[in-house]
Amino acid sequence: MGAKVLERFPAGSPRGSWPAEEYAAQRRAAGEQATVVMDLKSDAFLVVLRDED
């Protein structure tokens, strides 16, 4: 399973701020299957489109 990274957000956002989730919601509203995953190595949230097999 692969994925295309659309955007990367640092995990250290201010409390109450969810920029990765907000960006993914905008992409879903535009008809894309965007989801948020955590990249532990880079300490970042990634908004990705998963490949459809």
C-alpha atoms as a PDB file:
ATOM      1  CA  MET A   1       0.000   0.000   0.000  1.00  0.00           C
ATOM      2  CA  GLY A   2       1.385   3.387  -0.964  1.00  0.00           C
ATOM      3  CA  ALA A   3       0.377   6.945  -0.335  1.00  0.00           C
ATOM      4  CA  LYS A   4       0.991  10.392  -1.784  1.00  0.00           C
ATOM      5  CA  VAL A   5       1.919  13.033   0.797  1.00  0.00           C
ATOM      6  CA  LEU A   6      -0.052  16.213   0.157  1.00  0.00           C
ATOM      7  CA  GLU A   7       1.214  18.313   3.061  1.00  0.00           C
ATOM      8  CA  ARG A   8       3.366  18.034   6.189  1.00  0.00           C
ATOM      9  CA  PHE A   9       2.656  19.780   9.507  1.00  0.00           C
ATOM     10  CA  PRO A  10       4.948  19.869  12.570  1.00  0.00           C
ATOM     11  CA  ALA A  11       3.559  18.072  15.600  1.00  0.00           C
ATOM     12  CA  GLY A  12       4.293  21.037  17.884  1.00  0.00           C
ATOM     13  CA  SER A  13       1.252  23.123  16.969  1.00  0.00           C
ATOM     14  CA  PRO A  14      -0.263  25.355  19.647  1.00  0.00           C
ATOM     15  CA  ARG A  15      -2.777  23.689  21.964  1.00  0.00           C
ATOM     16  CA  GLY A  16      -6.227  23.539  20.372  1.00  0.00           C
ATOM     17  CA  SER A  17      -4.810  23.936  16.858  1.00  0.00           C
ATOM     18  CA  TRP A  18      -5.229  21.039  14.422  1.00  0.00           C
ATOM     19  CA  PRO A  19      -3.869  22.319  11.070  1.00  0.00           C
ATOM     20  CA  ALA A  20      -3.362  18.855   9.565  1.00  0.00           C
ATOM     21  CA  GLU A  21      -6.937  17.811  10.370  1.00  0.00           C
ATOM     22  CA  GLU A  22      -8.290  21.108   9.031  1.00  0.00           C
ATOM     23  CA  TYR A  23      -6.319  20.735   5.790  1.00  0.00           C
ATOM     24  CA  ALA A  24      -7.466  17.126   5.361  1.00  0.00           C
ATOM     25  CA  ALA A  25     -11.091  18.197   5.916  1.00  0.00           C
ATOM     26  CA  GLN A  26     -10.743  20.824   3.181  1.00  0.00           C
ATOM     27  CA  ARG A  27      -9.354  18.203   0.781  1.00  0.00           C
ATOM     28  CA  ARG A  28     -12.178  15.778   1.663  1.00  0.00           C
ATOM     29  CA  ALA A  29     -14.711  18.550   1.014  1.00  0.00           C
ATOM     30  CA  ALA A  30     -13.116  18.897  -2.424  1.00  0.00           C
ATOM     31  CA  GLY A  31     -13.749  15.187  -3.071  1.00  0.00           C
ATOM     32  CA  GLU A  32     -10.366  13.677  -2.233  1.00  0.00           C
ATOM     33  CA  GLN A  33      -9.822  10.760   0.161  1.00  0.00           C
ATOM     34  CA  ALA A  34      -7.356  12.626   2.398  1.00  0.00           C
ATOM     35  CA  THR A  35      -6.385  11.294   5.806  1.00  0.00           C
ATOM     36  CA  VAL A  36      -3.910  12.296   8.524  1.00  0.00           C
ATOM     37  CA  VAL A  37      -1.117  10.014   9.708  1.00  0.00           C
ATOM     38  CA  MET A  38       1.718  10.562  12.190  1.00  0.00           C
ATOM     39  CA  ASP A  39       5.317  10.233  11.005  1.00  0.00           C
ATOM     40  CA  LEU A  40       7.167   9.408  14.205  1.00  0.00           C
ATOM     41  CA  LYS A  41      10.647   9.719  12.677  1.00  0.00           C
ATOM     42  CA  SER A  42      10.112  13.341  11.631  1.00  0.00           C
ATOM     43  CA  ASP A  43       7.651  14.193  14.465  1.00  0.00           C
ATOM     44  CA  ALA A  44       5.136  15.498  11.941  1.00  0.00           C
ATOM     45  CA  PHE A  45       1.566  14.918  10.861  1.00  0.00           C
ATOM     46  CA  LEU A  46       1.190  14.050   7.183  1.00  0.00           C
ATOM     47  CA  VAL A  47      -1.921  14.560   5.092  1.00  0.00           C
ATOM     48  CA  VAL A  48      -1.928  11.729   2.578  1.00  0.00           C
ATOM     49  CA  LEU A  49      -3.921  10.263  -0.290  1.00  0.00           C
ATOM     50  CA  ARG A  50      -3.752   6.492  -0.173  1.00  0.00           C
ATOM     51  CA  ASP A  51      -3.285   4.614  -3.437  1.00  0.00           C
ATOM     52  CA  GLU A  52      -6.393   2.785  -4.565  1.00  0.00           C
ATOM     53  CA  ASP A  53      -5.538  -0.832  -5.430  1.00  0.00           C
END
